[in-house]
């Protein structure tokens, strides 16, 4: 399951390189959080993870072209990962 999260992080890291300033920080912070979750032994809290997904959705609305497409792919992978999380 962490493979999905690693794929999402990779898409975001690629998007960071091409993103405008108003999107870049959100993508960088979310990619860092995904990297931490992927390397940690515990799953993230659903509410916290949902906040990351909402941040990506908002960033996608401000993005264009390749950056928007990469955010879409990252969201898809992250949502697949979230489906596998156990709810507390």
Protein backbone atom coordinates (compact mmCIF):
# COMPACT_ATOMS: atom_id res chain seq x y z
CA UNK A 1 0.00 0.00 0.00
CA UNK A 2 2.84 2.39 0.68
CA UNK A 3 3.79 1.99 -2.99
CA UNK A 4 0.74 4.13 -3.88
CA UNK A 5 1.92 6.79 -1.47
CA UNK A 6 5.45 6.70 -2.92
CA UNK A 7 4.00 7.11 -6.40
CA UNK A 8 1.94 10.08 -5.23
CA UNK A 9 5.01 11.64 -3.64
CA UNK A 10 7.02 11.14 -6.82
CA UNK A 11 4.34 12.87 -8.92
CA UNK A 12 4.31 15.78 -6.48
CA UNK A 13 8.07 16.11 -6.46
CA UNK A 14 8.04 16.27 -10.27
CA UNK A 15 5.25 18.85 -10.15
CA UNK A 16 7.18 21.01 -7.65
CA UNK A 17 9.92 21.54 -10.22
CA UNK A 18 7.43 23.00 -12.72
CA UNK A 19 4.89 24.67 -10.42
CA UNK A 20 4.29 28.37 -9.95
CA UNK A 21 5.16 29.89 -6.60
CA UNK A 22 1.56 29.92 -5.33
CA UNK A 23 1.32 26.13 -5.75
CA UNK A 24 4.89 25.00 -5.10
CA UNK A 25 4.90 25.26 -1.29
CA UNK A 26 1.69 23.24 -0.90
CA UNK A 27 3.04 20.51 -3.16
CA UNK A 28 6.41 20.44 -1.41
CA UNK A 29 4.83 20.18 2.05
CA UNK A 30 2.42 17.45 0.99
CA UNK A 31 5.19 15.48 -0.74
CA UNK A 32 7.25 15.68 2.46
CA UNK A 33 4.31 14.43 4.54
CA UNK A 34 3.75 11.54 2.12
CA UNK A 35 7.45 10.63 2.32
CA UNK A 36 7.23 10.57 6.11
CA UNK A 37 4.11 8.38 6.05
CA UNK A 38 5.71 5.98 3.57
CA UNK A 39 8.79 5.54 5.76
CA UNK A 40 6.92 5.35 9.07
CA UNK A 41 5.51 2.17 10.56
CA UNK A 42 2.20 3.77 11.51
CA UNK A 43 -0.59 4.92 9.22
CA UNK A 44 -1.63 8.57 9.22
CA UNK A 45 -4.85 9.67 10.83
CA UNK A 46 -7.77 9.84 8.36
CA UNK A 47 -8.57 13.47 9.17
CA UNK A 48 -4.96 14.58 8.78
CA UNK A 49 -4.63 12.66 5.52
CA UNK A 50 -7.89 14.21 4.27
CA UNK A 51 -6.38 17.64 4.94
CA UNK A 52 -3.49 16.73 2.64
CA UNK A 53 -5.93 15.60 -0.05
CA UNK A 54 -7.87 18.86 0.26
CA UNK A 55 -4.64 20.83 -0.04
CA UNK A 56 -3.87 18.98 -3.26
CA UNK A 57 -7.36 19.61 -4.63
CA UNK A 58 -7.00 23.33 -3.96
CA UNK A 59 -3.53 23.37 -5.53
CA UNK A 60 -4.89 21.58 -8.60
CA UNK A 61 -7.41 24.39 -9.10
CA UNK A 62 -4.54 26.90 -9.23
CA UNK A 63 -2.29 24.75 -11.42
CA UNK A 64 -2.20 24.37 -15.19
CA UNK A 65 -0.88 21.98 -17.80
CA UNK A 66 1.61 19.32 -16.74
CA UNK A 67 1.52 20.41 -13.09
CA UNK A 68 -2.25 19.95 -12.98
CA UNK A 69 -1.92 16.51 -14.60
CA UNK A 70 0.73 15.43 -12.09
CA UNK A 71 -1.41 16.61 -9.18
CA UNK A 72 -4.33 14.61 -10.63
CA UNK A 73 -2.18 11.48 -10.74
CA UNK A 74 -0.88 12.11 -7.23
CA UNK A 75 -4.43 12.56 -5.95
CA UNK A 76 -5.53 9.34 -7.59
CA UNK A 77 -2.70 7.38 -5.94
CA UNK A 78 -3.20 9.08 -2.58
CA UNK A 79 -6.93 8.36 -2.64
CA UNK A 80 -6.20 4.71 -3.42
CA UNK A 81 -3.83 4.65 -0.46
CA UNK A 82 -6.45 6.27 1.79
CA UNK A 83 -9.00 3.57 0.90
CA UNK A 84 -6.65 1.02 2.44
CA UNK A 85 -6.25 2.88 5.73
CA UNK A 86 -7.94 1.43 8.76
CA UNK A 87 -10.36 3.80 10.39
CA UNK A 88 -9.84 4.35 14.07
